[in-house]
C-alpha atoms as a PDB file:
ATOM      1  CA  UNK A   1      84.543  49.784 121.349  1.00  0.00           C
ATOM      2  CA  UNK A   2      86.489  48.270 118.478  1.00  0.00           C
ATOM      3  CA  UNK A   3      86.929  44.877 116.868  1.00  0.00           C
ATOM      4  CA  UNK A   4      90.005  44.004 118.922  1.00  0.00           C
ATOM      5  CA  UNK A   5      88.160  44.768 122.177  1.00  0.00           C
ATOM      6  CA  UNK A   6      85.329  42.468 121.092  1.00  0.00           C
ATOM      7  CA  UNK A   7      87.770  39.688 120.250  1.00  0.00           C
ATOM      8  CA  UNK A   8      87.269  39.905 116.484  1.00  0.00           C
ATOM      9  CA  UNK A   9      90.485  38.996 114.613  1.00  0.00           C
ATOM     10  CA  UNK A  10      91.360  41.980 112.462  1.00  0.00           C
ATOM     11  CA  UNK A  11      93.954  40.094 110.410  1.00  0.00           C
ATOM     12  CA  UNK A  12      91.096  37.942 109.097  1.00  0.00           C
ATOM     13  CA  UNK A  13      89.747  40.892 107.111  1.00  0.00           C
ATOM     14  CA  UNK A  14      92.700  43.093 106.402  1.00  0.00           C
ATOM     15  CA  UNK A  15      95.158  40.603 104.891  1.00  0.00           C
ATOM     16  CA  UNK A  16      96.389  42.006 101.571  1.00  0.00           C
ATOM     17  CA  UNK A  17      93.675  44.626 101.033  1.00  0.00           C
ATOM     18  CA  UNK A  18      92.788  45.662  97.511  1.00  0.00           C
ATOM     19  CA  UNK A  19      94.970  48.423  96.137  1.00  0.00           C
ATOM     20  CA  UNK A  20      93.151  51.611  95.122  1.00  0.00           C
ATOM     21  CA  UNK A  21      90.018  50.514  96.952  1.00  0.00           C
ATOM     22  CA  UNK A  22      89.209  54.149  97.724  1.00  0.00           C
ATOM     23  CA  UNK A  23      89.171  55.006  94.013  1.00  0.00           C
ATOM     24  CA  UNK A  24      87.067  51.961  93.173  1.00  0.00           C
ATOM     25  CA  UNK A  25      84.487  52.711  95.857  1.00  0.00           C
ATOM     26  CA  UNK A  26      84.375  56.405  94.912  1.00  0.00           C
ATOM     27  CA  UNK A  27      83.834  55.559  91.238  1.00  0.00           C
ATOM     28  CA  UNK A  28      81.091  53.095  92.084  1.00  0.00           C
ATOM     29  CA  UNK A  29      79.250  55.563  94.315  1.00  0.00           C
ATOM     30  CA  UNK A  30      79.562  58.339  91.725  1.00  0.00           C
ATOM     31  CA  UNK A  31      78.180  56.208  88.902  1.00  0.00           C
ATOM     32  CA  UNK A  32      75.459  54.664  91.050  1.00  0.00           C
ATOM     33  CA  UNK A  33      74.128  58.032  92.188  1.00  0.00           C
ATOM     34  CA  UNK A  34      74.257  59.499  88.682  1.00  0.00           C
ATOM     35  CA  UNK A  35      72.412  56.550  87.191  1.00  0.00           C
ATOM     36  CA  UNK A  36      69.829  56.577  89.972  1.00  0.00           C
ATOM     37  CA  UNK A  37      69.150  60.290  89.521  1.00  0.00           C
ATOM     38  CA  UNK A  38      69.016  59.915  85.739  1.00  0.00           C
ATOM     39  CA  UNK A  39      66.536  57.091  86.131  1.00  0.00           C
ATOM     40  CA  UNK A  40      64.331  59.241  88.360  1.00  0.00           C
ATOM     41  CA  UNK A  41      64.450  62.154  85.913  1.00  0.00           C
ATOM     42  CA  UNK A  42      63.577  59.936  82.948  1.00  0.00           C
ATOM     43  CA  UNK A  43      60.748  58.111  84.710  1.00  0.00           C
ATOM     44  CA  UNK A  44      57.635  59.411  82.902  1.00  0.00           C
ATOM     45  CA  UNK A  45      55.316  58.016  85.572  1.00  0.00           C
ATOM     46  CA  UNK A  46      57.360  59.448  88.449  1.00  0.00           C
ATOM     47  CA  UNK A  47      56.813  56.132  90.187  1.00  0.00           C
ATOM     48  CA  UNK A  48      59.929  56.347  92.359  1.00  0.00           C
ATOM     49  CA  UNK A  49      59.111  57.603  95.870  1.00  0.00           C
ATOM     50  CA  UNK A  50      60.315  61.045  96.928  1.00  0.00           C
ATOM     51  CA  UNK A  51      63.720  61.196  98.587  1.00  0.00           C
ATOM     52  CA  UNK A  52      63.380  62.101 102.247  1.00  0.00           C
ATOM     53  CA  UNK A  53      66.017  64.259 103.887  1.00  0.00           C
ATOM     54  CA  UNK A  54      68.080  62.765 106.701  1.00  0.00           C
ATOM     55  CA  UNK A  55      70.703  64.112 109.073  1.00  0.00           C
ATOM     56  CA  UNK A  56      73.246  63.404 106.332  1.00  0.00           C
ATOM     57  CA  UNK A  57      71.370  65.592 103.852  1.00  0.00           C
ATOM     58  CA  UNK A  58      73.009  68.848 102.788  1.00  0.00           C
ATOM     59  CA  UNK A  59      70.698  71.680 101.626  1.00  0.00           C
ATOM     60  CA  UNK A  60      73.029  72.264  98.684  1.00  0.00           C
ATOM     61  CA  UNK A  61      75.150  69.827  96.719  1.00  0.00           C
ATOM     62  CA  UNK A  62      78.736  70.115  98.018  1.00  0.00           C
ATOM     63  CA  UNK A  63      81.039  71.829  95.490  1.00  0.00           C
ATOM     64  CA  UNK A  64      83.578  68.995  95.750  1.00  0.00           C
ATOM     65  CA  UNK A  65      82.788  65.828  93.797  1.00  0.00           C
ATOM     66  CA  UNK A  66      82.527  62.533  95.631  1.00  0.00           C
ATOM     67  CA  UNK A  67      85.621  61.373  93.737  1.00  0.00           C
ATOM     68  CA  UNK A  68      87.715  64.297  94.969  1.00  0.00           C
ATOM     69  CA  UNK A  69      86.162  64.038  98.428  1.00  0.00           C
ATOM     70  CA  UNK A  70      87.264  60.419  98.801  1.00  0.00           C
ATOM     71  CA  UNK A  71      90.757  61.339  97.598  1.00  0.00           C
ATOM     72  CA  UNK A  72      90.834  64.026 100.287  1.00  0.00           C
ATOM     73  CA  UNK A  73      89.835  61.498 102.937  1.00  0.00           C
ATOM     74  CA  UNK A  74      92.524  59.109 101.729  1.00  0.00           C
ATOM     75  CA  UNK A  75      95.181  61.827 101.741  1.00  0.00           C
ATOM     76  CA  UNK A  76      94.583  63.117 105.244  1.00  0.00           C
ATOM     77  CA  UNK A  77      93.094  60.206 107.193  1.00  0.00           C
ATOM     78  CA  UNK A  78      95.947  57.793 106.423  1.00  0.00           C
ATOM     79  CA  UNK A  79      93.566  54.874 106.878  1.00  0.00           C
ATOM     80  CA  UNK A  80      93.926  51.479 105.233  1.00  0.00           C
ATOM     81  CA  UNK A  81      92.263  50.671 101.915  1.00  0.00           C
ATOM     82  CA  UNK A  82      90.170  48.080 103.750  1.00  0.00           C
ATOM     83  CA  UNK A  83      88.265  50.788 105.579  1.00  0.00           C
ATOM     84  CA  UNK A  84      86.687  51.913 102.299  1.00  0.00           C
ATOM     85  CA  UNK A  85      85.371  48.425 101.605  1.00  0.00           C
ATOM     86  CA  UNK A  86      83.951  48.234 105.128  1.00  0.00           C
ATOM     87  CA  UNK A  87      82.379  51.675 104.651  1.00  0.00           C
ATOM     88  CA  UNK A  88      80.690  50.359 101.504  1.00  0.00           C
ATOM     89  CA  UNK A  89      79.323  47.417 103.490  1.00  0.00           C
ATOM     90  CA  UNK A  90      77.887  49.842 106.056  1.00  0.00           C
ATOM     91  CA  UNK A  91      76.183  51.925 103.349  1.00  0.00           C
ATOM     92  CA  UNK A  92      74.663  48.789 101.870  1.00  0.00           C
ATOM     93  CA  UNK A  93      73.358  47.709 105.273  1.00  0.00           C
ATOM     94  CA  UNK A  94      71.688  51.063 105.813  1.00  0.00           C
ATOM     95  CA  UNK A  95      69.966  50.857 102.429  1.00  0.00           C
ATOM     96  CA  UNK A  96      68.731  47.368 103.188  1.00  0.00           C
ATOM     97  CA  UNK A  97      67.574  48.178 106.728  1.00  0.00           C
ATOM     98  CA  UNK A  98      65.863  51.467 105.778  1.00  0.00           C
ATOM     99  CA  UNK A  99      63.898  51.331 102.531  1.00  0.00           C
ATOM    100  CA  UNK A 100      63.209  55.093 102.629  1.00  0.00           C
ATOM    101  CA  UNK A 101      66.924  55.949 102.651  1.00  0.00           C
ATOM    102  CA  UNK A 102      68.387  56.862  99.257  1.00  0.00           C
ATOM    103  CA  UNK A 103      71.831  57.823  98.060  1.00  0.00           C
ATOM    104  CA  UNK A 104      71.931  61.288  96.510  1.00  0.00           C
ATOM    105  CA  UNK A 105      74.452  63.985  95.727  1.00  0.00           C
ATOM    106  CA  UNK A 106      73.108  65.790  98.787  1.00  0.00           C
ATOM    107  CA  UNK A 107      73.901  63.087 101.341  1.00  0.00           C
ATOM    108  CA  UNK A 108      76.706  60.893  99.981  1.00  0.00           C
ATOM    109  CA  UNK A 109      79.579  63.069 101.269  1.00  0.00           C
ATOM    110  CA  UNK A 110      78.537  63.145 104.913  1.00  0.00           C
ATOM    111  CA  UNK A 111      77.320  59.565 104.856  1.00  0.00           C
ATOM    112  CA  UNK A 112      80.519  58.181 103.372  1.00  0.00           C
ATOM    113  CA  UNK A 113      82.776  60.239 105.653  1.00  0.00           C
ATOM    114  CA  UNK A 114      80.886  58.942 108.677  1.00  0.00           C
ATOM    115  CA  UNK A 115      81.016  55.340 107.465  1.00  0.00           C
ATOM    116  CA  UNK A 116      84.774  55.611 106.984  1.00  0.00           C
ATOM    117  CA  UNK A 117      85.121  57.156 110.439  1.00  0.00           C
ATOM    118  CA  UNK A 118      83.217  54.296 112.085  1.00  0.00           C
ATOM    119  CA  UNK A 119      85.096  51.676 110.044  1.00  0.00           C
ATOM    120  CA  UNK A 120      88.439  53.159 111.113  1.00  0.00           C
ATOM    121  CA  UNK A 121      87.457  53.305 114.777  1.00  0.00           C
ATOM    122  CA  UNK A 122      86.097  49.781 114.798  1.00  0.00           C
ATOM    123  CA  UNK A 123      88.784  47.977 112.836  1.00  0.00           C
ATOM    124  CA  UNK A 124      92.015  49.955 112.913  1.00  0.00           C
ATOM    125  CA  UNK A 125      94.520  50.115 115.757  1.00  0.00           C
ATOM    126  CA  UNK A 126      95.290  53.819 115.418  1.00  0.00           C
ATOM    127  CA  UNK A 127      92.948  56.649 114.550  1.00  0.00           C
ATOM    128  CA  UNK A 128      92.444  60.364 115.120  1.00  0.00           C
ATOM    129  CA  UNK A 129      89.784  62.021 117.232  1.00  0.00           C
ATOM    130  CA  UNK A 130      86.536  63.312 115.763  1.00  0.00           C
ATOM    131  CA  UNK A 131      87.788  66.885 115.612  1.00  0.00           C
ATOM    132  CA  UNK A 132      90.454  65.819 113.139  1.00  0.00           C
ATOM    133  CA  UNK A 133      88.006  63.828 111.016  1.00  0.00           C
ATOM    134  CA  UNK A 134      85.535  66.716 111.045  1.00  0.00           C
ATOM    135  CA  UNK A 135      88.220  68.945 109.517  1.00  0.00           C
ATOM    136  CA  UNK A 136      88.950  66.328 106.886  1.00  0.00           C
ATOM    137  CA  UNK A 137      85.271  66.016 106.095  1.00  0.00           C
ATOM    138  CA  UNK A 138      84.543  69.729 106.172  1.00  0.00           C
ATOM    139  CA  UNK A 139      81.946  69.674 108.957  1.00  0.00           C
ATOM    140  CA  UNK A 140      81.837  70.935 112.532  1.00  0.00           C
ATOM    141  CA  UNK A 141      83.087  68.567 115.214  1.00  0.00           C
ATOM    142  CA  UNK A 142      79.695  68.705 116.949  1.00  0.00           C
ATOM    143  CA  UNK A 143      78.047  67.691 113.663  1.00  0.00           C
ATOM    144  CA  UNK A 144      80.550  64.881 113.160  1.00  0.00           C
ATOM    145  CA  UNK A 145      79.641  63.548 116.605  1.00  0.00           C
ATOM    146  CA  UNK A 146      75.925  63.634 115.793  1.00  0.00           C
ATOM    147  CA  UNK A 147      76.450  61.995 112.407  1.00  0.00           C
ATOM    148  CA  UNK A 148      78.413  59.186 114.042  1.00  0.00           C
ATOM    149  CA  UNK A 149      75.625  58.575 116.557  1.00  0.00           C
ATOM    150  CA  UNK A 150      73.014  58.681 113.788  1.00  0.00           C
ATOM    151  CA  UNK A 151      74.958  56.163 111.713  1.00  0.00           C
ATOM    152  CA  UNK A 152      75.329  53.750 114.616  1.00  0.00           C
ATOM    153  CA  UNK A 153      71.591  53.969 115.166  1.00  0.00           C
ATOM    154  CA  UNK A 154      70.803  53.315 111.510  1.00  0.00           C
ATOM    155  CA  UNK A 155      73.109  50.298 111.594  1.00  0.00           C
ATOM    156  CA  UNK A 156      71.692  49.071 114.914  1.00  0.00           C
ATOM    157  CA  UNK A 157      75.361  48.864 115.946  1.00  0.00           C
ATOM    158  CA  UNK A 158      75.813  46.065 113.407  1.00  0.00           C
ATOM    159  CA  UNK A 159      79.474  46.829 112.701  1.00  0.00           C
ATOM    160  CA  UNK A 160      81.029  43.378 112.364  1.00  0.00           C
ATOM    161  CA  UNK A 161      82.046  42.446 108.822  1.00  0.00           C
ATOM    162  CA  UNK A 162      82.942  38.787 108.421  1.00  0.00           C
ATOM    163  CA  UNK A 163      85.727  37.612 106.169  1.00  0.00           C
ATOM    164  CA  UNK A 164      83.228  36.079 103.747  1.00  0.00           C
ATOM    165  CA  UNK A 165      81.189  39.284 103.412  1.00  0.00           C
ATOM    166  CA  UNK A 166      84.297  41.434 103.124  1.00  0.00           C
ATOM    167  CA  UNK A 167      85.764  39.279 100.366  1.00  0.00           C
ATOM    168  CA  UNK A 168      82.492  39.362  98.389  1.00  0.00           C
ATOM    169  CA  UNK A 169      82.391  43.143  98.456  1.00  0.00           C
ATOM    170  CA  UNK A 170      86.077  43.475  97.677  1.00  0.00           C
ATOM    171  CA  UNK A 171      85.878  41.013  94.786  1.00  0.00           C
ATOM    172  CA  UNK A 172      82.854  42.691  93.225  1.00  0.00           C
ATOM    173  CA  UNK A 173      84.122  46.243  93.634  1.00  0.00           C
ATOM    174  CA  UNK A 174      87.433  45.161  92.105  1.00  0.00           C
ATOM    175  CA  UNK A 175      85.640  43.712  89.084  1.00  0.00           C
ATOM    176  CA  UNK A 176      83.620  46.909  88.779  1.00  0.00           C
ATOM    177  CA  UNK A 177      86.757  49.040  88.945  1.00  0.00           C
ATOM    178  CA  UNK A 178      88.505  46.994  86.256  1.00  0.00           C
ATOM    179  CA  UNK A 179      85.483  47.462  84.008  1.00  0.00           C
ATOM    180  CA  UNK A 180      84.938  51.189  84.509  1.00  0.00           C
ATOM    181  CA  UNK A 181      88.304  52.585  85.639  1.00  0.00           C
ATOM    182  CA  UNK A 182      88.866  53.913  82.112  1.00  0.00           C
ATOM    183  CA  UNK A 183      86.970  56.991  83.313  1.00  0.00           C
ATOM    184  CA  UNK A 184      89.891  57.790  85.590  1.00  0.00           C
ATOM    185  CA  UNK A 185      92.489  57.634  82.820  1.00  0.00           C
ATOM    186  CA  UNK A 186      93.795  60.870  81.255  1.00  0.00           C
ATOM    187  CA  UNK A 187      92.003  61.425  77.945  1.00  0.00           C
ATOM    188  CA  UNK A 188      94.077  61.047  74.791  1.00  0.00           C
ATOM    189  CA  UNK A 189      91.808  63.522  73.011  1.00  0.00           C
ATOM    190  CA  UNK A 190      88.459  65.216  73.660  1.00  0.00           C
ATOM    191  CA  UNK A 191      86.835  63.175  70.918  1.00  0.00           C
ATOM    192  CA  UNK A 192      88.029  59.819  72.254  1.00  0.00           C
ATOM    193  CA  UNK A 193      87.000  60.778  75.783  1.00  0.00           C
ATOM    194  CA  UNK A 194      83.514  61.752  74.664  1.00  0.00           C
ATOM    195  CA  UNK A 195      83.201  58.487  72.772  1.00  0.00           C
ATOM    196  CA  UNK A 196      84.311  56.301  75.683  1.00  0.00           C
ATOM    197  CA  UNK A 197      82.041  58.102  78.147  1.00  0.00           C
ATOM    198  CA  UNK A 198      79.148  57.851  75.723  1.00  0.00           C
ATOM    199  CA  UNK A 199      79.668  54.095  75.358  1.00  0.00           C
ATOM    200  CA  UNK A 200      79.826  53.673  79.122  1.00  0.00           C
ATOM    201  CA  UNK A 201      76.735  55.784  79.601  1.00  0.00           C
ATOM    202  CA  UNK A 202      74.789  53.766  77.035  1.00  0.00           C
ATOM    203  CA  UNK A 203      75.802  50.499  78.642  1.00  0.00           C
ATOM    204  CA  UNK A 204      74.767  51.625  82.114  1.00  0.00           C
ATOM    205  CA  UNK A 205      71.547  53.225  80.872  1.00  0.00           C
ATOM    206  CA  UNK A 206      70.550  49.930  79.264  1.00  0.00           C
ATOM    207  CA  UNK A 207      71.221  48.231  82.584  1.00  0.00           C
ATOM    208  CA  UNK A 208      69.030  50.718  84.437  1.00  0.00           C
ATOM    209  CA  UNK A 209      66.214  50.241  81.954  1.00  0.00           C
ATOM    210  CA  UNK A 210      66.100  46.669  83.212  1.00  0.00           C
ATOM    211  CA  UNK A 211      66.455  47.231  86.961  1.00  0.00           C
ATOM    212  CA  UNK A 212      66.274  50.960  87.648  1.00  0.00           C
ATOM    213  CA  UNK A 213      62.536  51.352  88.038  1.00  0.00           C
ATOM    214  CA  UNK A 214      62.531  49.534  91.346  1.00  0.00           C
ATOM    215  CA  UNK A 215      62.970  52.849  93.143  1.00  0.00           C
ATOM    216  CA  UNK A 216      65.719  52.400  95.727  1.00  0.00           C
ATOM    217  CA  UNK A 217      69.386  51.770  95.054  1.00  0.00           C
ATOM    218  CA  UNK A 218      70.787  48.773  96.920  1.00  0.00           C
ATOM    219  CA  UNK A 219      74.453  48.062  96.404  1.00  0.00           C
ATOM    220  CA  UNK A 220      73.764  44.336  96.289  1.00  0.00           C
ATOM    221  CA  UNK A 221      71.270  44.723  93.446  1.00  0.00           C
ATOM    222  CA  UNK A 222      71.968  47.121  90.565  1.00  0.00           C
ATOM    223  CA  UNK A 223      75.642  46.855  89.731  1.00  0.00           C
ATOM    224  CA  UNK A 224      77.761  44.803  92.101  1.00  0.00           C
ATOM    225  CA  UNK A 225      75.337  41.913  92.680  1.00  0.00           C
ATOM    226  CA  UNK A 226      76.610  41.393  96.203  1.00  0.00           C
ATOM    227  CA  UNK A 227      74.813  39.033  98.535  1.00  0.00           C
ATOM    228  CA  UNK A 228      75.355  38.611 102.267  1.00  0.00           C
END
């Protein structure tokens, strides 16, 4: 089942998609997870609830960073930039529907790969089979199939992204990328790089002092301020 089969106009969402959306989404996820984990580590009262493992949870943190993982997906999947925005919407919906679900370095790779897979299948005209996507994602095809089914269940098959919702996410992730994309630029010198990263870290840490002790990380709350 895809959007075209259900009579949903694809052109409504995918007109002039944001360039470098995959980099913007990857940067946002990386920073969000790092700030969330830092907040948990620095919480003297340990008030945040324990993170429960899900089917997306890996026993060990994958050796490839989420930034490089997203670049790998972009290189081999050949999907549109819009699919990464839709994948972000799906992650946000899961976090809002399931308060015990948290983003961590252990689950973000499998979760994001599966969200991109579902977004591609639902909204794009051409896509590969799951065996191909499992190779891209570095998991077994049987596991990819189970992860897809698990994701659909977590979403309650709520896959439709309206133009209004899509544009809100795209606009906010674009603003975020413009603000923090300096981290992706080649450093002019080790000293300047350390300084810029320190300034960014201080700014985000101050933000998390204000909102981080709420426990869960919802994409519409801490950084992007997205509302449905």
